[in-house]
Amino acid sequence: MKFASYIVNGQSSYGVIRDDGSVVDLRARIGQDYPSLLVLLQSGAIETAREAAGAADIGDYKESELTYLPLFAEPVTIHCIGLNYAAHAAEAGHKPPEFPRTFVKVPAALVAHKEEFEKPTLSPEYDFEGELAVVIGKGGRNISAAHAMNHVAGYTCFMDGSVRDYQFQRTTDQGKNFYRSSSIGPALVTADEVGDLDPLTLTTIVSGETMQHTKFDNLIFTVPKLIEYLSSITELRIGDVIATGTPEGVGFSRKPPRFLQHGDVVEVVIQKVGTLRNAVA
């Protein structure tokens, strides 16, 4: 299933996006018990949602009628992974890391599918990073890699907007957390629908030009390893997101550099997961 949070008719809601582009509004059907997508996940009610969506003869809305939210209406923790592809580590001048490189992205840095990024005024070095993001469906601490996939609700697309001079000359957290510089969505696609990640591809397109392309079998640290590592440091909670890192081809490594400008459109395309599209304003 494909779950999304959105604004429709001026109200926050959530639902299931069908293959025909129609949307079954779950708040209208089961919202008395599960008022938001995050509460639905926290309650372990995916099957309840599946039954409610399956019982609907037709969708309640067209997808074009929605204003997407950044996956959840409520804030969640966004764990980000750096240098998780060997070719990207090389283009950044680093050896492949021995352990996952991590940082946290604040909710204010994120916009939803089809919302506009805000190009920073403090720097000309606004860069793109297309990524796969994992959504935690079962929380825990000290989760072993062998059992980690039992904790995955599903996947979504992620654009890790990076302001490079702040990232490299000041701190990673500063460069990665400019206001409305990153995006997530459009939908949470359940793990059963996506299946094995290894053969699937990620492509980042900027204003019609392919900039990044990879398969997920190129990840240095796999999804189970990332869950094992992060849960050894902190509790992973339902709804938390792990952005798994970007492949080679980012803007700062190009000659000349290709930073994002007003009017650019960034698309992160992941097989079986979807397309996340945002314009730069």
Foldseek 3Di string as FASTA:
>chain_A
DWKFWWAAPNDTFIFDQDPVQATATVCVPPVVQQVWPLSCLVVVPPVVRVVSVVVDPGGPGGNVRTGTFQATPDWAKEKEWEQFFQQACVLVPHGRDPDTDIDTEGPQQEGEFAEAAEDDPVAQFKKKFKFKKWFFSAKAAQDALVCQVVGTQAIWIKIQIFRPCCVPVPHVRVRRYDGRSMYIDDTGDGDVQVDDQQAKKKWKAKQRRTQDIDGQVRGNQDSSRVSNVVRNVDMDDGGYMYTRYGHPRMQVSDVVGDHDDQQMKMWIQIPSHGIGIYGYD
